[in-house]
Amino acid sequence: MKDLRKLLIGLFILGILSPLGLLVSGETWGEWSAEAISRMIGFIPKGLKRFSNIWSAPFADYRVRGTGEMIGYLVSAFGGMLLVMLATWVIGKILAHRHKKNSDDHVS
C-alpha cells in the first residue's frame, strides 16, 4: 500500500507539472496540427495526412466548457491518467483471473 501511495503522489506531481510547456511557450510540444507541421518541416507526412481525420480529441484544444486552457489541460492530464490506471487495473484483473484458472486446471 505504501508503494501505491508513492506512485499516486508521483502521478499527481506529474499531472500538476503537465502544463509547463504551455506556460513557458504558449503551446504544447508535440501536439501540432498537420498545418503546423507543414509550416515547420515544409510538408505533411503521408501517414499524418491519411490518418489525421480519424480521431478528434474529447476536449479539443484542451477546452473544457466554462474553464480556461490551463484547467482543461489539467483535466485532460488527470483524466488520461485515470483512464490508463483503470485500463491497467482491468487488464491485470483479467490476466490474474486467467492465471488462477490455468493454475487450478493444472492442479486437478
PDB file of N, CA and C in Angstrom:
ATOM      1  N   MET A   1       0.821  -1.196   0.000  1.00  0.00           N
ATOM      2  CA  MET A   1       0.000   0.000   0.000  1.00  0.00           C
ATOM      3  C   MET A   1       0.862   1.256   0.000  1.00  0.00           C
ATOM      4  N   LYS A   2       2.013   1.172   0.658  1.00  0.00           N
ATOM      5  CA  LYS A   2       2.918   2.310   0.717  1.00  0.00           C
ATOM      6  C   LYS A   2       3.473   2.636  -0.674  1.00  0.00           C
ATOM      7  N   ASP A   3       3.770   1.588  -1.476  1.00  0.00           N
ATOM      8  CA  ASP A   3       4.257   1.808  -2.834  1.00  0.00           C
ATOM      9  C   ASP A   3       3.183   2.440  -3.712  1.00  0.00           C
ATOM     10  N   LEU A   4       1.934   2.011  -3.534  1.00  0.00           N
ATOM     11  CA  LEU A   4       0.834   2.597  -4.294  1.00  0.00           C
ATOM     12  C   LEU A   4       0.691   4.080  -3.961  1.00  0.00           C
ATOM     13  N   ARG A   5       0.843   4.406  -2.698  1.00  0.00           N
ATOM     14  CA  ARG A   5       0.747   5.812  -2.276  1.00  0.00           C
ATOM     15  C   ARG A   5       1.846   6.646  -2.940  1.00  0.00           C
ATOM     16  N   LYS A   6       3.072   6.109  -2.976  1.00  0.00           N
ATOM     17  CA  LYS A   6       4.179   6.815  -3.629  1.00  0.00           C
ATOM     18  C   LYS A   6       3.897   6.991  -5.124  1.00  0.00           C
ATOM     19  N   LEU A   7       3.365   5.951  -5.752  1.00  0.00           N
ATOM     20  CA  LEU A   7       3.036   6.031  -7.169  1.00  0.00           C
ATOM     21  C   LEU A   7       1.985   7.109  -7.423  1.00  0.00           C
ATOM     22  N   LEU A   8       0.944   7.125  -6.613  1.00  0.00           N
ATOM     23  CA  LEU A   8      -0.116   8.114  -6.793  1.00  0.00           C
ATOM     24  C   LEU A   8       0.385   9.541  -6.549  1.00  0.00           C
ATOM     25  N   ILE A   9       1.261   9.709  -5.574  1.00  0.00           N
ATOM     26  CA  ILE A   9       1.846  11.034  -5.327  1.00  0.00           C
ATOM     27  C   ILE A   9       2.689  11.462  -6.524  1.00  0.00           C
ATOM     28  N   GLY A  10       3.483  10.539  -7.057  1.00  0.00           N
ATOM     29  CA  GLY A  10       4.292  10.840  -8.242  1.00  0.00           C
ATOM     30  C   GLY A  10       3.433  11.207  -9.433  1.00  0.00           C
ATOM     31  N   LEU A  11       2.363  10.462  -9.660  1.00  0.00           N
ATOM     32  CA  LEU A  11       1.459  10.769 -10.771  1.00  0.00           C
ATOM     33  C   LEU A  11       0.781  12.123 -10.572  1.00  0.00           C
ATOM     34  N   PHE A  12       0.418  12.433  -9.343  1.00  0.00           N
ATOM     35  CA  PHE A  12      -0.189  13.732  -9.050  1.00  0.00           C
ATOM     36  C   PHE A  12       0.777  14.864  -9.384  1.00  0.00           C
ATOM     37  N   ILE A  13       2.028  14.707  -8.997  1.00  0.00           N
ATOM     38  CA  ILE A  13       3.038  15.725  -9.275  1.00  0.00           C
ATOM     39  C   ILE A  13       3.222  15.881 -10.786  1.00  0.00           C
ATOM     40  N   LEU A  14       3.300  14.754 -11.515  1.00  0.00           N
ATOM     41  CA  LEU A  14       3.436  14.825 -12.973  1.00  0.00           C
ATOM     42  C   LEU A  14       2.220  15.498 -13.602  1.00  0.00           C
ATOM     43  N   GLY A  15       1.036  15.215 -13.083  1.00  0.00           N
ATOM     44  CA  GLY A  15      -0.166  15.848 -13.603  1.00  0.00           C
ATOM     45  C   GLY A  15      -0.155  17.347 -13.405  1.00  0.00           C
ATOM     46  N   ILE A  16       0.295  17.775 -12.233  1.00  0.00           N
ATOM     47  CA  ILE A  16       0.374  19.210 -11.952  1.00  0.00           C
ATOM     48  C   ILE A  16       1.420  19.877 -12.850  1.00  0.00           C
ATOM     49  N   LEU A  17       2.512  19.162 -13.151  1.00  0.00           N
ATOM     50  CA  LEU A  17       3.570  19.725 -13.986  1.00  0.00           C
ATOM     51  C   LEU A  17       3.241  19.672 -15.477  1.00  0.00           C
ATOM     52  N   SER A  18       2.204  18.939 -15.855  1.00  0.00           N
ATOM     53  CA  SER A  18       1.911  18.723 -17.280  1.00  0.00           C
ATOM     54  C   SER A  18       1.742  20.003 -18.099  1.00  0.00           C
ATOM     55  N   PRO A  19       1.196  21.083 -17.571  1.00  0.00           N
ATOM     56  CA  PRO A  19       1.048  22.266 -18.432  1.00  0.00           C
ATOM     57  C   PRO A  19       2.280  23.170 -18.494  1.00  0.00           C
ATOM     58  N   LEU A  20       3.450  22.697 -18.051  1.00  0.00           N
ATOM     59  CA  LEU A  20       4.637  23.564 -18.048  1.00  0.00           C
ATOM     60  C   LEU A  20       4.980  24.093 -19.436  1.00  0.00           C
ATOM     61  N   GLY A  21       4.939  23.233 -20.449  1.00  0.00           N
ATOM     62  CA  GLY A  21       5.241  23.683 -21.805  1.00  0.00           C
ATOM     63  C   GLY A  21       4.283  24.751 -22.259  1.00  0.00           C
ATOM     64  N   LEU A  22       3.041  24.602 -21.878  1.00  0.00           N
ATOM     65  CA  LEU A  22       2.020  25.586 -22.233  1.00  0.00           C
ATOM     66  C   LEU A  22       2.318  26.922 -21.557  1.00  0.00           C
ATOM     67  N   LEU A  23       2.751  26.868 -20.305  1.00  0.00           N
ATOM     68  CA  LEU A  23       3.070  28.094 -19.577  1.00  0.00           C
ATOM     69  C   LEU A  23       4.297  28.788 -20.159  1.00  0.00           C
ATOM     70  N   VAL A  24       5.314  28.012 -20.515  1.00  0.00           N
ATOM     71  CA  VAL A  24       6.582  28.577 -20.967  1.00  0.00           C
ATOM     72  C   VAL A  24       6.491  29.112 -22.387  1.00  0.00           C
ATOM     73  N   SER A  25       5.933  28.306 -23.305  1.00  0.00           N
ATOM     74  CA  SER A  25       5.987  28.697 -24.715  1.00  0.00           C
ATOM     75  C   SER A  25       4.639  29.066 -25.312  1.00  0.00           C
ATOM     76  N   GLY A  26       3.571  28.789 -24.607  1.00  0.00           N
ATOM     77  CA  GLY A  26       2.254  29.090 -25.150  1.00  0.00           C
ATOM     78  C   GLY A  26       1.692  27.995 -26.028  1.00  0.00           C
ATOM     79  N   GLU A  27       2.465  26.910 -26.230  1.00  0.00           N
ATOM     80  CA  GLU A  27       1.967  25.766 -26.989  1.00  0.00           C
ATOM     81  C   GLU A  27       2.488  24.483 -26.353  1.00  0.00           C
ATOM     82  N   THR A  28       1.829  23.403 -26.664  1.00  0.00           N
ATOM     83  CA  THR A  28       2.242  22.121 -26.112  1.00  0.00           C
ATOM     84  C   THR A  28       3.132  21.413 -27.112  1.00  0.00           C
ATOM     85  N   TRP A  29       4.267  20.909 -26.640  1.00  0.00           N
ATOM     86  CA  TRP A  29       5.240  20.285 -27.521  1.00  0.00           C
ATOM     87  C   TRP A  29       4.686  18.973 -28.065  1.00  0.00           C
ATOM     88  N   GLY A  30       4.814  18.782 -29.364  1.00  0.00           N
ATOM     89  CA  GLY A  30       4.453  17.522 -29.985  1.00  0.00           C
ATOM     90  C   GLY A  30       2.981  17.359 -30.307  1.00  0.00           C
ATOM     91  N   GLU A  31       2.183  18.357 -30.058  1.00  0.00           N
ATOM     92  CA  GLU A  31       0.751  18.248 -30.314  1.00  0.00           C
ATOM     93  C   GLU A  31       0.331  19.220 -31.404  1.00  0.00           C
ATOM     94  N   TRP A  32       1.118  19.232 -32.461  1.00  0.00           N
ATOM     95  CA  TRP A  32       0.898  20.177 -33.534  1.00  0.00           C
ATOM     96  C   TRP A  32      -0.124  19.638 -34.530  1.00  0.00           C
ATOM     97  N   SER A  33      -0.833  20.541 -35.155  1.00  0.00           N
ATOM     98  CA  SER A  33      -1.759  20.162 -36.222  1.00  0.00           C
ATOM     99  C   SER A  33      -0.953  19.830 -37.478  1.00  0.00           C
ATOM    100  N   ALA A  34      -1.619  19.219 -38.443  1.00  0.00           N
ATOM    101  CA  ALA A  34      -0.958  18.908 -39.712  1.00  0.00           C
ATOM    102  C   ALA A  34      -0.448  20.188 -40.372  1.00  0.00           C
ATOM    103  N   GLU A  35      -1.231  21.254 -40.264  1.00  0.00           N
ATOM    104  CA  GLU A  35      -0.818  22.528 -40.863  1.00  0.00           C
ATOM    105  C   GLU A  35       0.424  23.091 -40.168  1.00  0.00           C
ATOM    106  N   ALA A  36       0.481  22.970 -38.850  1.00  0.00           N
ATOM    107  CA  ALA A  36       1.650  23.463 -38.107  1.00  0.00           C
ATOM    108  C   ALA A  36       2.896  22.666 -38.482  1.00  0.00           C
ATOM    109  N   ILE A  37       2.755  21.357 -38.634  1.00  0.00           N
ATOM    110  CA  ILE A  37       3.896  20.521 -39.040  1.00  0.00           C
ATOM    111  C   ILE A  37       4.350  20.917 -40.436  1.00  0.00           C
ATOM    112  N   SER A  38       3.390  21.169 -41.306  1.00  0.00           N
ATOM    113  CA  SER A  38       3.728  21.601 -42.661  1.00  0.00           C
ATOM    114  C   SER A  38       4.535  22.902 -42.637  1.00  0.00           C
ATOM    115  N   ARG A  39       4.169  23.821 -41.764  1.00  0.00           N
ATOM    116  CA  ARG A  39       4.925  25.074 -41.637  1.00  0.00           C
ATOM    117  C   ARG A  39       6.324  24.816 -41.093  1.00  0.00           C
ATOM    118  N   MET A  40       6.459  23.841 -40.187  1.00  0.00           N
ATOM    119  CA  MET A  40       7.759  23.578 -39.570  1.00  0.00           C
ATOM    120  C   MET A  40       8.719  22.846 -40.500  1.00  0.00           C
ATOM    121  N   ILE A  41       8.209  21.815 -41.195  1.00  0.00           N
ATOM    122  CA  ILE A  41       9.123  20.981 -41.984  1.00  0.00           C
ATOM    123  C   ILE A  41       8.917  21.115 -43.494  1.00  0.00           C
ATOM    124  N   GLY A  42       7.893  21.843 -43.904  1.00  0.00           N
ATOM    125  CA  GLY A  42       7.697  22.100 -45.318  1.00  0.00           C
ATOM    126  C   GLY A  42       6.747  21.153 -46.033  1.00  0.00           C
ATOM    127  N   PHE A  43       6.258  20.130 -45.343  1.00  0.00           N
ATOM    128  CA  PHE A  43       5.296  19.208 -45.947  1.00  0.00           C
ATOM    129  C   PHE A  43       4.546  18.473 -44.850  1.00  0.00           C
ATOM    130  N   ILE A  44       3.457  17.816 -45.224  1.00  0.00           N
ATOM    131  CA  ILE A  44       2.702  16.985 -44.281  1.00  0.00           C
ATOM    132  C   ILE A  44       3.032  15.526 -44.594  1.00  0.00           C
ATOM    133  N   PRO A  45       3.585  14.776 -43.637  1.00  0.00           N
ATOM    134  CA  PRO A  45       3.893  13.367 -43.888  1.00  0.00           C
ATOM    135  C   PRO A  45       2.641  12.594 -44.337  1.00  0.00           C
ATOM    136  N   LYS A  46       2.848  11.621 -45.254  1.00  0.00           N
ATOM    137  CA  LYS A  46       1.726  10.875 -45.835  1.00  0.00           C
ATOM    138  C   LYS A  46       0.836  10.231 -44.777  1.00  0.00           C
ATOM    139  N   GLY A  47       1.425   9.567 -43.808  1.00  0.00           N
ATOM    140  CA  GLY A  47       0.635   8.888 -42.771  1.00  0.00           C
ATOM    141  C   GLY A  47      -0.182   9.864 -41.946  1.00  0.00           C
ATOM    142  N   LEU A  48       0.410  10.995 -41.637  1.00  0.00           N
ATOM    143  CA  LEU A  48      -0.316  12.012 -40.869  1.00  0.00           C
ATOM    144  C   LEU A  48      -1.487  12.550 -41.680  1.00  0.00           C
ATOM    145  N   LYS A  49      -1.239  12.804 -42.938  1.00  0.00           N
ATOM    146  CA  LYS A  49      -2.304  13.311 -43.807  1.00  0.00           C
ATOM    147  C   LYS A  49      -3.431  12.281 -43.914  1.00  0.00           C
ATOM    148  N   ARG A  50      -3.077  11.012 -44.068  1.00  0.00           N
ATOM    149  CA  ARG A  50      -4.066   9.955 -44.251  1.00  0.00           C
ATOM    150  C   ARG A  50      -4.911   9.725 -43.005  1.00  0.00           C
ATOM    151  N   PHE A  51      -4.282   9.775 -41.833  1.00  0.00           N
ATOM    152  CA  PHE A  51      -4.990   9.415 -40.604  1.00  0.00           C
ATOM    153  C   PHE A  51      -5.408  10.595 -39.730  1.00  0.00           C
ATOM    154  N   SER A  52      -5.149  11.804 -40.149  1.00  0.00           N
ATOM    155  CA  SER A  52      -5.391  12.957 -39.274  1.00  0.00           C
ATOM    156  C   SER A  52      -6.863  13.208 -38.971  1.00  0.00           C
ATOM    157  N   ASN A  53      -7.771  12.720 -39.784  1.00  0.00           N
ATOM    158  CA  ASN A  53      -9.190  12.964 -39.538  1.00  0.00           C
ATOM    159  C   ASN A  53      -9.900  11.809 -38.835  1.00  0.00           C
ATOM    160  N   ILE A  54      -9.171  10.780 -38.468  1.00  0.00           N
ATOM    161  CA  ILE A  54      -9.790   9.616 -37.825  1.00  0.00           C
ATOM    162  C   ILE A  54     -10.177   9.906 -36.382  1.00  0.00           C
ATOM    163  N   TRP A  55      -9.349  10.625 -35.664  1.00  0.00           N
ATOM    164  CA  TRP A  55      -9.559  10.840 -34.238  1.00  0.00           C
ATOM    165  C   TRP A  55      -9.630  12.326 -33.934  1.00  0.00           C
ATOM    166  N   SER A  56     -10.579  12.697 -33.123  1.00  0.00           N
ATOM    167  CA  SER A  56     -10.592  14.063 -32.614  1.00  0.00           C
ATOM    168  C   SER A  56     -10.644  13.981 -31.090  1.00  0.00           C
ATOM    169  N   ALA A  57      -9.963  14.885 -30.467  1.00  0.00           N
ATOM    170  CA  ALA A  57      -9.840  14.859 -29.012  1.00  0.00           C
ATOM    171  C   ALA A  57     -11.173  15.160 -28.337  1.00  0.00           C
ATOM    172  N   PRO A  58     -11.435  14.517 -27.186  1.00  0.00           N
ATOM    173  CA  PRO A  58     -12.663  14.822 -26.453  1.00  0.00           C
ATOM    174  C   PRO A  58     -12.739  16.285 -26.021  1.00  0.00           C
ATOM    175  N   PHE A  59     -11.591  16.864 -25.677  1.00  0.00           N
ATOM    176  CA  PHE A  59     -11.519  18.275 -25.308  1.00  0.00           C
ATOM    177  C   PHE A  59     -10.617  18.968 -26.324  1.00  0.00           C
ATOM    178  N   ALA A  60     -11.185  19.360 -27.458  1.00  0.00           N
ATOM    179  CA  ALA A  60     -10.381  19.991 -28.499  1.00  0.00           C
ATOM    180  C   ALA A  60      -9.671  21.215 -27.935  1.00  0.00           C
ATOM    181  N   ASP A  61      -8.393  21.322 -28.217  1.00  0.00           N
ATOM    182  CA  ASP A  61      -7.554  22.417 -27.714  1.00  0.00           C
ATOM    183  C   ASP A  61      -7.591  22.535 -26.187  1.00  0.00           C
ATOM    184  N   TYR A  62      -7.846  21.427 -25.524  1.00  0.00           N
ATOM    185  CA  TYR A  62      -7.885  21.379 -24.057  1.00  0.00           C
ATOM    186  C   TYR A  62      -8.909  22.330 -23.461  1.00  0.00           C
ATOM    187  N   ARG A  63      -9.970  22.543 -24.150  1.00  0.00           N
ATOM    188  CA  ARG A  63     -11.024  23.435 -23.662  1.00  0.00           C
ATOM    189  C   ARG A  63     -12.125  22.610 -23.023  1.00  0.00           C
ATOM    190  N   VAL A  64     -12.357  22.855 -21.769  1.00  0.00           N
ATOM    191  CA  VAL A  64     -13.491  22.275 -21.057  1.00  0.00           C
ATOM    192  C   VAL A  64     -14.461  23.430 -20.851  1.00  0.00           C
ATOM    193  N   ARG A  65     -15.670  23.242 -21.304  1.00  0.00           N
ATOM    194  CA  ARG A  65     -16.646  24.341 -21.265  1.00  0.00           C
ATOM    195  C   ARG A  65     -16.664  25.029 -19.904  1.00  0.00           C
ATOM    196  N   GLY A  66     -16.533  26.333 -19.931  1.00  0.00           N
ATOM    197  CA  GLY A  66     -16.604  27.122 -18.712  1.00  0.00           C
ATOM    198  C   GLY A  66     -15.283  27.283 -17.984  1.00  0.00           C
ATOM    199  N   THR A  67     -14.188  26.760 -18.559  1.00  0.00           N
ATOM    200  CA  THR A  67     -12.883  26.891 -17.907  1.00  0.00           C
ATOM    201  C   THR A  67     -11.872  27.440 -18.896  1.00  0.00           C
ATOM    202  N   GLY A  68     -10.727  27.804 -18.375  1.00  0.00           N
ATOM    203  CA  GLY A  68      -9.634  28.270 -19.223  1.00  0.00           C
ATOM    204  C   GLY A  68      -8.808  27.100 -19.728  1.00  0.00           C
ATOM    205  N   GLU A  69      -7.827  27.416 -20.554  1.00  0.00           N
ATOM    206  CA  GLU A  69      -6.993  26.386 -21.159  1.00  0.00           C
ATOM    207  C   GLU A  69      -6.195  25.605 -20.108  1.00  0.00           C
ATOM    208  N   MET A  70      -5.708  26.290 -19.092  1.00  0.00           N
ATOM    209  CA  MET A  70      -4.902  25.627 -18.061  1.00  0.00           C
ATOM    210  C   MET A  70      -5.721  24.564 -17.327  1.00  0.00           C
ATOM    211  N   ILE A  71      -6.931  24.888 -16.944  1.00  0.00           N
ATOM    212  CA  ILE A  71      -7.792  23.915 -16.250  1.00  0.00           C
ATOM    213  C   ILE A  71      -8.110  22.752 -17.188  1.00  0.00           C
ATOM    214  N   GLY A  72      -8.390  23.052 -18.446  1.00  0.00           N
ATOM    215  CA  GLY A  72      -8.652  21.993 -19.422  1.00  0.00           C
ATOM    216  C   GLY A  72      -7.463  21.065 -19.581  1.00  0.00           C
ATOM    217  N   TYR A  73      -6.275  21.640 -19.557  1.00  0.00           N
ATOM    218  CA  TYR A  73      -5.057  20.836 -19.671  1.00  0.00           C
ATOM    219  C   TYR A  73      -4.920  19.907 -18.461  1.00  0.00           C
ATOM    220  N   LEU A  74      -5.187  20.425 -17.267  1.00  0.00           N
ATOM    221  CA  LEU A  74      -5.105  19.603 -16.058  1.00  0.00           C
ATOM    222  C   LEU A  74      -6.184  18.525 -16.046  1.00  0.00           C
ATOM    223  N   VAL A  75      -7.401  18.869 -16.476  1.00  0.00           N
ATOM    224  CA  VAL A  75      -8.479  17.874 -16.556  1.00  0.00           C
ATOM    225  C   VAL A  75      -8.075  16.761 -17.526  1.00  0.00           C
ATOM    226  N   SER A  76      -7.492  17.139 -18.657  1.00  0.00           N
ATOM    227  CA  SER A  76      -7.037  16.142 -19.630  1.00  0.00           C
ATOM    228  C   SER A  76      -5.940  15.256 -19.046  1.00  0.00           C
ATOM    229  N   ALA A  77      -4.989  15.869 -18.346  1.00  0.00           N
ATOM    230  CA  ALA A  77      -3.887  15.096 -17.764  1.00  0.00           C
ATOM    231  C   ALA A  77      -4.398  14.092 -16.744  1.00  0.00           C
ATOM    232  N   PHE A  78      -5.204  14.565 -15.805  1.00  0.00           N
ATOM    233  CA  PHE A  78      -5.690  13.664 -14.764  1.00  0.00           C
ATOM    234  C   PHE A  78      -6.706  12.668 -15.302  1.00  0.00           C
ATOM    235  N   GLY A  79      -7.529  13.097 -16.250  1.00  0.00           N
ATOM    236  CA  GLY A  79      -8.477  12.169 -16.873  1.00  0.00           C
ATOM    237  C   GLY A  79      -7.756  11.059 -17.616  1.00  0.00           C
ATOM    238  N   GLY A  80      -6.704  11.433 -18.348  1.00  0.00           N
ATOM    239  CA  GLY A  80      -5.900  10.430 -19.055  1.00  0.00           C
ATOM    240  C   GLY A  80      -5.234   9.459 -18.104  1.00  0.00           C
ATOM    241  N   MET A  81      -4.690   9.987 -17.013  1.00  0.00           N
ATOM    242  CA  MET A  81      -4.059   9.102 -16.024  1.00  0.00           C
ATOM    243  C   MET A  81      -5.077   8.141 -15.422  1.00  0.00           C
ATOM    244  N   LEU A  82      -6.255   8.647 -15.110  1.00  0.00           N
ATOM    245  CA  LEU A  82      -7.296   7.780 -14.547  1.00  0.00           C
ATOM    246  C   LEU A  82      -7.704   6.694 -15.526  1.00  0.00           C
ATOM    247  N   LEU A  83      -7.842   7.051 -16.805  1.00  0.00           N
ATOM    248  CA  LEU A  83      -8.203   6.045 -17.805  1.00  0.00           C
ATOM    249  C   LEU A  83      -7.120   4.981 -17.956  1.00  0.00           C
ATOM    250  N   VAL A  84      -5.866   5.391 -17.967  1.00  0.00           N
ATOM    251  CA  VAL A  84      -4.771   4.427 -18.078  1.00  0.00           C
ATOM    252  C   VAL A  84      -4.717   3.528 -16.847  1.00  0.00           C
ATOM    253  N   MET A  85      -4.892   4.114 -15.656  1.00  0.00           N
ATOM    254  CA  MET A  85      -4.882   3.295 -14.431  1.00  0.00           C
ATOM    255  C   MET A  85      -6.054   2.320 -14.423  1.00  0.00           C
ATOM    256  N   LEU A  86      -7.227   2.767 -14.846  1.00  0.00           N
ATOM    257  CA  LEU A  86      -8.390   1.893 -14.896  1.00  0.00           C
ATOM    258  C   LEU A  86      -8.174   0.758 -15.889  1.00  0.00           C
ATOM    259  N   ALA A  87      -7.669   1.081 -17.079  1.00  0.00           N
ATOM    260  CA  ALA A  87      -7.412   0.045 -18.088  1.00  0.00           C
ATOM    261  C   ALA A  87      -6.375  -0.953 -17.579  1.00  0.00           C
ATOM    262  N   THR A  88      -5.329  -0.454 -16.936  1.00  0.00           N
ATOM    263  CA  THR A  88      -4.292  -1.331 -16.388  1.00  0.00           C
ATOM    264  C   THR A  88      -4.862  -2.236 -15.312  1.00  0.00           C
ATOM    265  N   TRP A  89      -5.698  -1.695 -14.450  1.00  0.00           N
ATOM    266  CA  TRP A  89      -6.314  -2.479 -13.378  1.00  0.00           C
ATOM    267  C   TRP A  89      -7.214  -3.570 -13.961  1.00  0.00           C
ATOM    268  N   VAL A  90      -8.042  -3.215 -14.954  1.00  0.00           N
ATOM    269  CA  VAL A  90      -8.948  -4.193 -15.567  1.00  0.00           C
ATOM    270  C   VAL A  90      -8.157  -5.297 -16.251  1.00  0.00           C
ATOM    271  N   ILE A  91      -7.136  -4.920 -17.028  1.00  0.00           N
ATOM    272  CA  ILE A  91      -6.313  -5.930 -17.706  1.00  0.00           C
ATOM    273  C   ILE A  91      -5.611  -6.816 -16.691  1.00  0.00           C
ATOM    274  N   GLY A  92      -5.110  -6.223 -15.604  1.00  0.00           N
ATOM    275  CA  GLY A  92      -4.472  -7.005 -14.543  1.00  0.00           C
ATOM    276  C   GLY A  92      -5.431  -7.999 -13.912  1.00  0.00           C
ATOM    277  N   LYS A  93      -6.664  -7.569 -13.648  1.00  0.00           N
ATOM    278  CA  LYS A  93      -7.668  -8.476 -13.076  1.00  0.00           C
ATOM    279  C   LYS A  93      -7.968  -9.632 -14.033  1.00  0.00           C
ATOM    280  N   ILE A  94      -8.113  -9.322 -15.324  1.00  0.00           N
ATOM    281  CA  ILE A  94      -8.397 -10.367 -16.319  1.00  0.00           C
ATOM    282  C   ILE A  94      -7.243 -11.362 -16.383  1.00  0.00           C
ATOM    283  N   LEU A  95      -6.016 -10.844 -16.444  1.00  0.00           N
ATOM    284  CA  LEU A  95      -4.854 -11.732 -16.511  1.00  0.00           C
ATOM    285  C   LEU A  95      -4.691 -12.555 -15.240  1.00  0.00           C
ATOM    286  N   ALA A  96      -4.930 -11.943 -14.088  1.00  0.00           N
ATOM    287  CA  ALA A  96      -4.832 -12.683 -12.821  1.00  0.00           C
ATOM    288  C   ALA A  96      -5.884 -13.782 -12.768  1.00  0.00           C
ATOM    289  N   HIS A  97      -7.091 -13.491 -13.243  1.00  0.00           N
ATOM    290  CA  HIS A  97      -8.161 -14.495 -13.259  1.00  0.00           C
ATOM    291  C   HIS A  97      -7.782 -15.653 -14.183  1.00  0.00           C
ATOM    292  N   ARG A  98      -7.244 -15.338 -15.357  1.00  0.00           N
ATOM    293  CA  ARG A  98      -6.821 -16.392 -16.291  1.00  0.00           C
ATOM    294  C   ARG A  98      -5.707 -17.229 -15.696  1.00  0.00           C
ATOM    295  N   HIS A  99      -4.740 -16.555 -15.061  1.00  0.00           N
ATOM    296  CA  HIS A  99      -3.624 -17.273 -14.460  1.00  0.00           C
ATOM    297  C   HIS A  99      -4.116 -18.209 -13.358  1.00  0.00           C
ATOM    298  N   LYS A 100      -5.020 -17.716 -12.526  1.00  0.00           N
ATOM    299  CA  LYS A 100      -5.579 -18.541 -11.441  1.00  0.00           C
ATOM    300  C   LYS A 100      -6.332 -19.721 -12.027  1.00  0.00           C
ATOM    301  N   LYS A 101      -7.127 -19.478 -13.076  1.00  0.00           N
ATOM    302  CA  LYS A 101      -7.896 -20.542 -13.701  1.00  0.00           C
ATOM    303  C   LYS A 101      -6.965 -21.597 -14.305  1.00  0.00           C
ATOM    304  N   ASN A 102      -5.895 -21.146 -14.977  1.00  0.00           N
ATOM    305  CA  ASN A 102      -4.936 -22.086 -15.566  1.00  0.00           C
ATOM    306  C   ASN A 102      -4.207 -22.867 -14.478  1.00  0.00           C
ATOM    307  N   SER A 103      -3.883 -22.216 -13.366  1.00  0.00           N
ATOM    308  CA  SER A 103      -3.226 -22.901 -12.256  1.00  0.00           C
ATOM    309  C   SER A 103      -4.136 -23.955 -11.653  1.00  0.00           C
ATOM    310  N   ASP A 104      -5.411 -23.622 -11.504  1.00  0.00           N
ATOM    311  CA  ASP A 104      -6.390 -24.567 -10.947  1.00  0.00           C
ATOM    312  C   ASP A 104      -6.577 -25.748 -11.888  1.00  0.00           C
ATOM    313  N   ASP A 105      -6.564 -25.536 -13.197  1.00  0.00           N
ATOM    314  CA  ASP A 105      -6.735 -26.598 -14.178  1.00  0.00           C
ATOM    315  C   ASP A 105      -5.572 -27.588 -14.135  1.00  0.00           C
ATOM    316  N   HIS A 106      -4.368 -27.073 -13.897  1.00  0.00           N
ATOM    317  CA  HIS A 106      -3.195 -27.950 -13.874  1.00  0.00           C
ATOM    318  C   HIS A 106      -3.098 -28.744 -12.574  1.00  0.00           C
ATOM    319  N   VAL A 107      -3.675 -28.236 -11.510  1.00  0.00           N
ATOM    320  CA  VAL A 107      -3.610 -28.911 -10.209  1.00  0.00           C
ATOM    321  C   VAL A 107      -4.523 -30.127 -10.187  1.00  0.00           C
ATOM    322  N   SER A 108      -5.719 -30.035 -10.784  1.00  0.00           N
ATOM    323  CA  SER A 108      -6.677 -31.124 -10.668  1.00  0.00           C
ATOM    324  C   SER A 108      -6.367 -32.310 -11.527  1.00  0.00           C
TER     325      SER A 108
END
